[in-house]
Amino acid sequence: MRVRCAAVAAPTQQKLIALDFDGVVCDSVGESSLSAFKAAAILWPHIFETPAAESRKGELVEKMRAVRPVVETGYENIVQIRALYEGVSVDDMLSSWEHLLPAKMAEWGLQRGDMVELFGRVRDDWIAADLAGWLAPNRIYDGVADPVRTALAAHHVYIVTTKQAHYTEILLRDMAAVPFPADRIFSQTVSGRPKGEVLANLAAAHPGAAAKIFVEDKLSTLEKVAKDPSLSDWKLFLVDWGYNTPAERARAAAHPAITVVDKQQFVELLQP
């Protein structure tokens, strides 16, 4: 009797890759700032539905770009745009946003859940009325879409983002021509789960991955992951574009667990 040997599976060469979205794949400052202006006009029409506010829209959008590095979740843009309108400086916002945000929320009687709902509703209404107009202020970073598309076919690739998932999916599909599966987009906006928890779950789902790679533009997020011993097998990368500052990139370069990458190195990370 002939004994048939079971085939032994070869070790996988597929990487597990987790990508942040805003600041790594997409520059969304223009759209998020304009959406914040629209939302602010609903909350505070006496301020933002005025010729004075309209005349300052361009100035405010430019300042919103400067303070984008401190934003964690989209609804914060609404608080930022009013604070900037009322005279809070860019430097003060960059240095003290973690204290300024709850102070302004309390001062203006705002609740996080209500703000998330409002920001999402404003975007949904804009998309429904004028998808092309909503897409136009966004841009996909040069040289990023092709490697993401290639990696998606070769590796286990996920988006881990603070942006609501359906906006991420629309931008990838309609601006980057990347048909990213919805079930591979993890959004913190609704779940509130920290990115480290998402990474741990992804690692558990792909125990045989050849490498675990997490790419971010926010240094504080990478620093939190680096402090978690259960995530020590993740390789952490900070992009040298997106919403970070030269000082943050210098700090990342000195960190033993974080590597700063340019576009070419990013392409190499995602190669089959």
C-alpha atoms as a PDB file:
ATOM      1  CA  MET A   1       0.000   0.000   0.000  1.00  0.00           C
ATOM      2  CA  ARG A   2       1.356   3.300  -1.020  1.00  0.00           C
ATOM      3  CA  VAL A   3       1.409   6.014   1.640  1.00  0.00           C
ATOM      4  CA  ARG A   4       0.703   9.454   0.326  1.00  0.00           C
ATOM      5  CA  CYS A   5       2.729  12.203   1.997  1.00  0.00           C
ATOM      6  CA  ALA A   6       0.989  15.423   2.865  1.00  0.00           C
ATOM      7  CA  ALA A   7       2.414  18.478   1.160  1.00  0.00           C
ATOM      8  CA  VAL A   8       4.362  20.795   3.396  1.00  0.00           C
ATOM      9  CA  ALA A   9       3.419  24.402   2.827  1.00  0.00           C
ATOM     10  CA  ALA A  10       6.302  26.694   2.025  1.00  0.00           C
ATOM     11  CA  PRO A  11       6.783  29.674   4.330  1.00  0.00           C
ATOM     12  CA  THR A  12       4.827  32.658   3.111  1.00  0.00           C
ATOM     13  CA  GLN A  13       6.676  35.577   1.582  1.00  0.00           C
ATOM     14  CA  GLN A  14       3.689  37.852   2.061  1.00  0.00           C
ATOM     15  CA  LYS A  15       4.220  40.854   4.292  1.00  0.00           C
ATOM     16  CA  LEU A  16       1.616  42.264   6.656  1.00  0.00           C
ATOM     17  CA  ILE A  17       1.457  45.987   5.858  1.00  0.00           C
ATOM     18  CA  ALA A  18      -0.580  48.567   7.754  1.00  0.00           C
ATOM     19  CA  LEU A  19      -0.750  52.045   6.245  1.00  0.00           C
ATOM     20  CA  ASP A  20      -2.060  55.246   7.717  1.00  0.00           C
ATOM     21  CA  PHE A  21      -4.140  57.145   5.153  1.00  0.00           C
ATOM     22  CA  ASP A  22      -4.191  60.929   5.670  1.00  0.00           C
ATOM     23  CA  GLY A  23      -0.604  62.107   5.440  1.00  0.00           C
ATOM     24  CA  VAL A  24       0.724  58.866   3.939  1.00  0.00           C
ATOM     25  CA  VAL A  25      -1.525  58.164   0.955  1.00  0.00           C
ATOM     26  CA  CYS A  26      -3.732  61.248   0.756  1.00  0.00           C
ATOM     27  CA  ASP A  27      -3.339  64.952   1.444  1.00  0.00           C
ATOM     28  CA  SER A  28      -6.834  65.883   2.591  1.00  0.00           C
ATOM     29  CA  VAL A  29      -6.168  69.211   4.294  1.00  0.00           C
ATOM     30  CA  GLY A  30      -8.017  71.241   1.666  1.00  0.00           C
ATOM     31  CA  GLU A  31     -11.183  69.161   1.863  1.00  0.00           C
ATOM     32  CA  SER A  32     -11.177  68.753   5.655  1.00  0.00           C
ATOM     33  CA  SER A  33     -10.665  72.493   6.131  1.00  0.00           C
ATOM     34  CA  LEU A  34     -13.499  73.409   3.758  1.00  0.00           C
ATOM     35  CA  SER A  35     -15.741  70.785   5.391  1.00  0.00           C
ATOM     36  CA  ALA A  36     -14.865  72.298   8.770  1.00  0.00           C
ATOM     37  CA  PHE A  37     -15.877  75.747   7.479  1.00  0.00           C
ATOM     38  CA  LYS A  38     -19.220  74.331   6.268  1.00  0.00           C
ATOM     39  CA  ALA A  39     -19.800  72.578   9.620  1.00  0.00           C
ATOM     40  CA  ALA A  40     -18.841  75.713  11.552  1.00  0.00           C
ATOM     41  CA  ALA A  41     -21.411  77.672   9.532  1.00  0.00           C
ATOM     42  CA  ILE A  42     -24.084  75.219  10.722  1.00  0.00           C
ATOM     43  CA  LEU A  43     -22.973  75.403  14.370  1.00  0.00           C
ATOM     44  CA  TRP A  44     -22.224  79.113  14.513  1.00  0.00           C
ATOM     45  CA  PRO A  45     -23.995  80.857  11.596  1.00  0.00           C
ATOM     46  CA  HIS A  46     -23.642  84.236  13.318  1.00  0.00           C
ATOM     47  CA  ILE A  47     -19.868  83.855  12.921  1.00  0.00           C
ATOM     48  CA  PHE A  48     -19.294  81.837   9.761  1.00  0.00           C
ATOM     49  CA  GLU A  49     -22.266  82.832   7.594  1.00  0.00           C
ATOM     50  CA  THR A  50     -20.963  86.373   7.370  1.00  0.00           C
ATOM     51  CA  PRO A  51     -19.017  88.354   4.778  1.00  0.00           C
ATOM     52  CA  ALA A  52     -16.184  88.736   7.318  1.00  0.00           C
ATOM     53  CA  ALA A  53     -15.743  84.983   7.679  1.00  0.00           C
ATOM     54  CA  GLU A  54     -16.106  84.392   3.952  1.00  0.00           C
ATOM     55  CA  SER A  55     -13.386  86.955   3.248  1.00  0.00           C
ATOM     56  CA  ARG A  56     -11.015  85.088   5.568  1.00  0.00           C
ATOM     57  CA  LYS A  57     -11.703  81.582   4.216  1.00  0.00           C
ATOM     58  CA  GLY A  58      -8.474  81.368   2.204  1.00  0.00           C
ATOM     59  CA  GLU A  59      -6.385  82.581   5.151  1.00  0.00           C
ATOM     60  CA  LEU A  60      -8.057  80.089   7.495  1.00  0.00           C
ATOM     61  CA  VAL A  61      -7.502  77.152   5.116  1.00  0.00           C
ATOM     62  CA  GLU A  62      -3.792  78.013   4.937  1.00  0.00           C
ATOM     63  CA  LYS A  63      -3.565  78.152   8.732  1.00  0.00           C
ATOM     64  CA  MET A  64      -5.430  74.827   8.925  1.00  0.00           C
ATOM     65  CA  ARG A  65      -2.699  73.280   6.784  1.00  0.00           C
ATOM     66  CA  ALA A  66      -0.081  74.565   9.220  1.00  0.00           C
ATOM     67  CA  VAL A  67      -1.836  73.085  12.282  1.00  0.00           C
ATOM     68  CA  ARG A  68      -2.799  69.769  10.668  1.00  0.00           C
ATOM     69  CA  PRO A  69       0.031  67.812  12.383  1.00  0.00           C
ATOM     70  CA  VAL A  70      -1.794  67.933  15.743  1.00  0.00           C
ATOM     71  CA  VAL A  71      -5.182  66.669  14.510  1.00  0.00           C
ATOM     72  CA  GLU A  72      -6.092  63.170  15.686  1.00  0.00           C
ATOM     73  CA  THR A  73      -9.676  62.860  14.367  1.00  0.00           C
ATOM     74  CA  GLY A  74     -11.511  64.831  11.694  1.00  0.00           C
ATOM     75  CA  TYR A  75     -14.087  66.598  13.869  1.00  0.00           C
ATOM     76  CA  GLU A  76     -11.235  68.504  15.570  1.00  0.00           C
ATOM     77  CA  ASN A  77     -10.977  70.583  12.393  1.00  0.00           C
ATOM     78  CA  ILE A  78     -14.234  72.316  13.326  1.00  0.00           C
ATOM     79  CA  VAL A  79     -12.850  73.395  16.688  1.00  0.00           C
ATOM     80  CA  GLN A  80      -9.587  74.469  15.079  1.00  0.00           C
ATOM     81  CA  ILE A  81     -11.185  76.698  12.468  1.00  0.00           C
ATOM     82  CA  ARG A  82     -13.190  78.656  15.047  1.00  0.00           C
ATOM     83  CA  ALA A  83     -10.192  78.947  17.373  1.00  0.00           C
ATOM     84  CA  LEU A  84      -8.068  80.253  14.500  1.00  0.00           C
ATOM     85  CA  TYR A  85     -10.816  82.669  13.466  1.00  0.00           C
ATOM     86  CA  GLU A  86     -10.947  84.017  17.014  1.00  0.00           C
ATOM     87  CA  GLY A  87      -7.226  84.650  17.123  1.00  0.00           C
ATOM     88  CA  VAL A  88      -5.491  81.557  18.496  1.00  0.00           C
ATOM     89  CA  SER A  89      -2.082  81.504  16.812  1.00  0.00           C
ATOM     90  CA  VAL A  90      -0.697  78.641  14.756  1.00  0.00           C
ATOM     91  CA  ASP A  91       2.235  78.300  17.163  1.00  0.00           C
ATOM     92  CA  ASP A  92      -0.028  78.125  20.215  1.00  0.00           C
ATOM     93  CA  MET A  93      -2.212  75.512  18.564  1.00  0.00           C
ATOM     94  CA  LEU A  94       0.775  73.391  17.580  1.00  0.00           C
ATOM     95  CA  SER A  95       2.271  73.523  21.065  1.00  0.00           C
ATOM     96  CA  SER A  96      -0.842  73.082  23.209  1.00  0.00           C
ATOM     97  CA  TRP A  97      -3.614  71.453  21.153  1.00  0.00           C
ATOM     98  CA  GLU A  98      -4.048  68.545  23.578  1.00  0.00           C
ATOM     99  CA  HIS A  99      -5.053  71.085  26.259  1.00  0.00           C
ATOM    100  CA  LEU A 100      -6.687  73.624  23.981  1.00  0.00           C
ATOM    101  CA  LEU A 101      -9.098  71.130  22.382  1.00  0.00           C
ATOM    102  CA  PRO A 102     -10.904  70.030  25.579  1.00  0.00           C
ATOM    103  CA  ALA A 103     -10.892  73.616  26.856  1.00  0.00           C
ATOM    104  CA  LYS A 104     -12.602  74.924  23.712  1.00  0.00           C
ATOM    105  CA  MET A 105     -15.020  71.973  23.616  1.00  0.00           C
ATOM    106  CA  ALA A 106     -16.082  72.824  27.173  1.00  0.00           C
ATOM    107  CA  GLU A 107     -16.216  76.579  26.519  1.00  0.00           C
ATOM    108  CA  TRP A 108     -18.467  76.120  23.491  1.00  0.00           C
ATOM    109  CA  GLY A 109     -20.574  73.281  24.948  1.00  0.00           C
ATOM    110  CA  LEU A 110     -19.530  70.703  22.365  1.00  0.00           C
ATOM    111  CA  GLN A 111     -19.746  66.888  22.581  1.00  0.00           C
ATOM    112  CA  ARG A 112     -17.406  64.593  20.656  1.00  0.00           C
ATOM    113  CA  GLY A 113     -20.174  62.311  19.334  1.00  0.00           C
ATOM    114  CA  ASP A 114     -22.207  65.242  18.059  1.00  0.00           C
ATOM    115  CA  MET A 115     -19.156  66.719  16.356  1.00  0.00           C
ATOM    116  CA  VAL A 116     -18.267  63.421  14.653  1.00  0.00           C
ATOM    117  CA  GLU A 117     -21.860  63.121  13.397  1.00  0.00           C
ATOM    118  CA  LEU A 118     -21.914  66.712  12.136  1.00  0.00           C
ATOM    119  CA  PHE A 119     -18.578  66.463  10.334  1.00  0.00           C
ATOM    120  CA  GLY A 120     -19.668  63.205   8.689  1.00  0.00           C
ATOM    121  CA  ARG A 121     -23.053  64.647   7.699  1.00  0.00           C
ATOM    122  CA  VAL A 122     -21.467  67.709   6.098  1.00  0.00           C
ATOM    123  CA  ARG A 123     -19.153  65.511   4.062  1.00  0.00           C
ATOM    124  CA  ASP A 124     -21.962  63.113   3.087  1.00  0.00           C
ATOM    125  CA  ASP A 125     -24.144  66.009   1.933  1.00  0.00           C
ATOM    126  CA  TRP A 126     -21.266  67.488  -0.078  1.00  0.00           C
ATOM    127  CA  ILE A 127     -20.499  64.102  -1.706  1.00  0.00           C
ATOM    128  CA  ALA A 128     -24.169  63.537  -2.554  1.00  0.00           C
ATOM    129  CA  ALA A 129     -24.540  66.994  -4.081  1.00  0.00           C
ATOM    130  CA  ASP A 130     -21.147  67.306  -5.786  1.00  0.00           C
ATOM    131  CA  LEU A 131     -18.756  64.338  -5.668  1.00  0.00           C
ATOM    132  CA  ALA A 132     -16.298  65.970  -8.054  1.00  0.00           C
ATOM    133  CA  GLY A 133     -16.286  69.113  -5.928  1.00  0.00           C
ATOM    134  CA  TRP A 134     -15.612  67.097  -2.766  1.00  0.00           C
ATOM    135  CA  LEU A 135     -12.784  65.146  -4.391  1.00  0.00           C
ATOM    136  CA  ALA A 136     -11.104  68.228  -5.909  1.00  0.00           C
ATOM    137  CA  PRO A 137      -9.488  69.661  -2.722  1.00  0.00           C
ATOM    138  CA  ASN A 138      -7.965  66.250  -1.931  1.00  0.00           C
ATOM    139  CA  ARG A 139      -4.862  64.888  -3.606  1.00  0.00           C
ATOM    140  CA  ILE A 140      -3.085  61.550  -3.619  1.00  0.00           C
ATOM    141  CA  TYR A 141       0.623  62.011  -2.912  1.00  0.00           C
ATOM    142  CA  ASP A 142       2.793  61.572  -6.000  1.00  0.00           C
ATOM    143  CA  GLY A 143       4.349  58.139  -6.320  1.00  0.00           C
ATOM    144  CA  VAL A 144       2.156  56.456  -3.700  1.00  0.00           C
ATOM    145  CA  ALA A 145      -0.850  54.977  -5.531  1.00  0.00           C
ATOM    146  CA  ASP A 146       1.093  52.563  -7.781  1.00  0.00           C
ATOM    147  CA  PRO A 147       3.084  50.873  -4.981  1.00  0.00           C
ATOM    148  CA  VAL A 148      -0.070  50.561  -2.857  1.00  0.00           C
ATOM    149  CA  ARG A 149      -1.904  48.953  -5.774  1.00  0.00           C
ATOM    150  CA  THR A 150       1.020  46.559  -6.380  1.00  0.00           C
ATOM    151  CA  ALA A 151       1.310  45.676  -2.698  1.00  0.00           C
ATOM    152  CA  LEU A 152      -2.409  44.972  -2.458  1.00  0.00           C
ATOM    153  CA  ALA A 153      -2.001  42.179  -5.008  1.00  0.00           C
ATOM    154  CA  ALA A 154       1.106  40.702  -3.351  1.00  0.00           C
ATOM    155  CA  HIS A 155       0.753  41.202   0.410  1.00  0.00           C
ATOM    156  CA  HIS A 156      -1.736  41.512   3.269  1.00  0.00           C
ATOM    157  CA  VAL A 157      -2.342  45.269   3.121  1.00  0.00           C
ATOM    158  CA  TYR A 158      -4.617  47.242   5.441  1.00  0.00           C
ATOM    159  CA  ILE A 159      -5.454  50.887   6.023  1.00  0.00           C
ATOM    160  CA  VAL A 160      -5.498  51.915   9.695  1.00  0.00           C
ATOM    161  CA  THR A 161      -6.824  55.457   9.930  1.00  0.00           C
ATOM    162  CA  THR A 162      -8.675  58.038  11.979  1.00  0.00           C
ATOM    163  CA  LYS A 163     -10.678  58.928   8.846  1.00  0.00           C
ATOM    164  CA  GLN A 164     -14.141  57.430   8.456  1.00  0.00           C
ATOM    165  CA  ALA A 165     -13.799  54.293   6.359  1.00  0.00           C
ATOM    166  CA  HIS A 166     -16.218  55.115   3.544  1.00  0.00           C
ATOM    167  CA  TYR A 167     -14.428  58.397   2.762  1.00  0.00           C
ATOM    168  CA  THR A 168     -11.140  56.521   2.628  1.00  0.00           C
ATOM    169  CA  GLU A 169     -12.657  53.963   0.272  1.00  0.00           C
ATOM    170  CA  ILE A 170     -14.089  56.665  -2.039  1.00  0.00           C
ATOM    171  CA  LEU A 171     -10.770  58.512  -2.262  1.00  0.00           C
ATOM    172  CA  LEU A 172      -8.792  55.344  -2.972  1.00  0.00           C
ATOM    173  CA  ARG A 173     -11.246  54.276  -5.656  1.00  0.00           C
ATOM    174  CA  ASP A 174     -11.982  57.598  -7.347  1.00  0.00           C
ATOM    175  CA  MET A 175      -8.693  59.471  -6.957  1.00  0.00           C
ATOM    176  CA  ALA A 176      -6.026  56.769  -6.696  1.00  0.00           C
ATOM    177  CA  ALA A 177      -7.722  54.107  -8.868  1.00  0.00           C
ATOM    178  CA  VAL A 178      -7.032  51.587  -6.090  1.00  0.00           C
ATOM    179  CA  PRO A 179     -10.016  49.272  -5.496  1.00  0.00           C
ATOM    180  CA  PHE A 180      -9.254  48.789  -1.804  1.00  0.00           C
ATOM    181  CA  PRO A 181     -11.521  46.219  -0.083  1.00  0.00           C
ATOM    182  CA  ALA A 182     -13.760  47.857   2.510  1.00  0.00           C
ATOM    183  CA  ASP A 183     -13.061  45.102   5.040  1.00  0.00           C
ATOM    184  CA  ARG A 184      -9.369  46.027   5.004  1.00  0.00           C
ATOM    185  CA  ILE A 185      -9.979  49.593   6.145  1.00  0.00           C
ATOM    186  CA  PHE A 186      -9.982  50.081   9.910  1.00  0.00           C
ATOM    187  CA  SER A 187     -11.254  53.443  11.131  1.00  0.00           C
ATOM    188  CA  GLN A 188     -10.825  54.743  14.663  1.00  0.00           C
ATOM    189  CA  THR A 189     -13.392  57.505  14.284  1.00  0.00           C
ATOM    190  CA  VAL A 190     -16.324  55.337  15.320  1.00  0.00           C
ATOM    191  CA  SER A 191     -14.589  52.452  17.109  1.00  0.00           C
ATOM    192  CA  GLY A 192     -12.227  54.576  19.173  1.00  0.00           C
ATOM    193  CA  ARG A 193      -9.786  51.649  19.242  1.00  0.00           C
ATOM    194  CA  PRO A 194      -6.128  52.702  19.382  1.00  0.00           C
ATOM    195  CA  LYS A 195      -4.007  51.807  16.377  1.00  0.00           C
ATOM    196  CA  GLY A 196      -1.837  49.530  18.526  1.00  0.00           C
ATOM    197  CA  GLU A 197      -4.854  47.351  19.277  1.00  0.00           C
ATOM    198  CA  VAL A 198      -5.675  47.110  15.564  1.00  0.00           C
ATOM    199  CA  LEU A 199      -2.072  46.123  14.802  1.00  0.00           C
ATOM    200  CA  ALA A 200      -2.172  43.390  17.458  1.00  0.00           C
ATOM    201  CA  ASN A 201      -5.362  41.954  15.956  1.00  0.00           C
ATOM    202  CA  LEU A 202      -3.923  42.053  12.441  1.00  0.00           C
ATOM    203  CA  ALA A 203      -0.782  40.256  13.621  1.00  0.00           C
ATOM    204  CA  ALA A 204      -2.902  37.555  15.257  1.00  0.00           C
ATOM    205  CA  ALA A 205      -4.813  37.097  11.997  1.00  0.00           C
ATOM    206  CA  HIS A 206      -1.588  36.711   9.978  1.00  0.00           C
ATOM    207  CA  PRO A 207       0.851  34.773  12.180  1.00  0.00           C
ATOM    208  CA  GLY A 208       2.950  33.591   9.234  1.00  0.00           C
ATOM    209  CA  ALA A 209       3.633  37.013   7.723  1.00  0.00           C
ATOM    210  CA  ALA A 210       7.184  37.420   6.442  1.00  0.00           C
ATOM    211  CA  ALA A 211       7.363  40.885   8.016  1.00  0.00           C
ATOM    212  CA  LYS A 212       5.031  43.278   9.822  1.00  0.00           C
ATOM    213  CA  ILE A 213       5.277  46.861   8.555  1.00  0.00           C
ATOM    214  CA  PHE A 214       3.471  49.928   9.891  1.00  0.00           C
ATOM    215  CA  VAL A 215       3.793  53.216   7.966  1.00  0.00           C
ATOM    216  CA  GLU A 216       2.667  56.497   9.560  1.00  0.00           C
ATOM    217  CA  ASP A 217       3.188  60.212   9.215  1.00  0.00           C
ATOM    218  CA  LYS A 218       2.413  60.913  12.882  1.00  0.00           C
ATOM    219  CA  LEU A 219       5.381  60.417  15.178  1.00  0.00           C
ATOM    220  CA  SER A 220       3.367  60.258  18.409  1.00  0.00           C
ATOM    221  CA  THR A 221       1.429  57.259  17.080  1.00  0.00           C
ATOM    222  CA  LEU A 222       4.636  55.395  16.253  1.00  0.00           C
ATOM    223  CA  GLU A 223       6.096  56.254  19.651  1.00  0.00           C
ATOM    224  CA  LYS A 224       3.065  54.708  21.368  1.00  0.00           C
ATOM    225  CA  VAL A 225       3.434  51.521  19.317  1.00  0.00           C
ATOM    226  CA  ALA A 226       7.181  51.392  20.020  1.00  0.00           C
ATOM    227  CA  LYS A 227       6.494  51.443  23.782  1.00  0.00           C
ATOM    228  CA  ASP A 228       4.244  48.366  23.608  1.00  0.00           C
ATOM    229  CA  PRO A 229       6.358  45.199  24.024  1.00  0.00           C
ATOM    230  CA  SER A 230       3.602  43.055  22.498  1.00  0.00           C
ATOM    231  CA  LEU A 231       4.115  44.941  19.207  1.00  0.00           C
ATOM    232  CA  SER A 232       7.909  44.710  19.160  1.00  0.00           C
ATOM    233  CA  ASP A 233       7.967  42.608  15.972  1.00  0.00           C
ATOM    234  CA  TRP A 234       6.389  45.430  13.954  1.00  0.00           C
ATOM    235  CA  LYS A 235       8.808  47.505  11.885  1.00  0.00           C
ATOM    236  CA  LEU A 236       7.866  51.161  12.246  1.00  0.00           C
ATOM    237  CA  PHE A 237       8.309  53.788   9.530  1.00  0.00           C
ATOM    238  CA  LEU A 238       7.701  57.534   9.487  1.00  0.00           C
ATOM    239  CA  VAL A 239       7.283  59.064   6.028  1.00  0.00           C
ATOM    240  CA  ASP A 240       9.210  62.245   5.280  1.00  0.00           C
ATOM    241  CA  TRP A 241       6.107  63.834   3.732  1.00  0.00           C
ATOM    242  CA  GLY A 242       2.621  64.309   5.179  1.00  0.00           C
ATOM    243  CA  TYR A 243       1.679  66.017   8.416  1.00  0.00           C
ATOM    244  CA  ASN A 244       4.893  66.090  10.393  1.00  0.00           C
ATOM    245  CA  THR A 245       7.573  68.672  11.021  1.00  0.00           C
ATOM    246  CA  PRO A 246      11.365  68.683  10.500  1.00  0.00           C
ATOM    247  CA  ALA A 247      11.788  68.524  14.285  1.00  0.00           C
ATOM    248  CA  GLU A 248       9.617  65.399  14.465  1.00  0.00           C
ATOM    249  CA  ARG A 249      11.530  63.774  11.631  1.00  0.00           C
ATOM    250  CA  ALA A 250      14.795  64.487  13.427  1.00  0.00           C
ATOM    251  CA  ARG A 251      13.419  62.979  16.630  1.00  0.00           C
ATOM    252  CA  ALA A 252      12.237  59.909  14.714  1.00  0.00           C
ATOM    253  CA  ALA A 253      15.653  59.489  13.090  1.00  0.00           C
ATOM    254  CA  ALA A 254      17.190  59.254  16.566  1.00  0.00           C
ATOM    255  CA  HIS A 255      14.634  56.705  17.795  1.00  0.00           C
ATOM    256  CA  PRO A 256      15.984  53.132  17.858  1.00  0.00           C
ATOM    257  CA  ALA A 257      12.688  51.568  16.738  1.00  0.00           C
ATOM    258  CA  ILE A 258      11.572  54.044  14.058  1.00  0.00           C
ATOM    259  CA  THR A 259      12.943  54.547  10.545  1.00  0.00           C
ATOM    260  CA  VAL A 260      12.287  57.665   8.463  1.00  0.00           C
ATOM    261  CA  VAL A 261      11.602  56.836   4.803  1.00  0.00           C
ATOM    262  CA  ASP A 262      11.387  58.819   1.590  1.00  0.00           C
ATOM    263  CA  LYS A 263       9.214  57.930  -1.418  1.00  0.00           C
ATOM    264  CA  GLN A 264      11.756  55.551  -2.974  1.00  0.00           C
ATOM    265  CA  GLN A 265      12.216  53.670   0.285  1.00  0.00           C
ATOM    266  CA  PHE A 266       8.429  53.516   0.667  1.00  0.00           C
ATOM    267  CA  VAL A 267       8.177  51.890  -2.769  1.00  0.00           C
ATOM    268  CA  GLU A 268      10.821  49.335  -1.759  1.00  0.00           C
ATOM    269  CA  LEU A 269       8.951  48.483   1.453  1.00  0.00           C
ATOM    270  CA  LEU A 270       5.810  47.623  -0.522  1.00  0.00           C
ATOM    271  CA  GLN A 271       7.462  45.616  -3.296  1.00  0.00           C
ATOM    272  CA  PRO A 272       6.532  41.916  -3.740  1.00  0.00           C
END
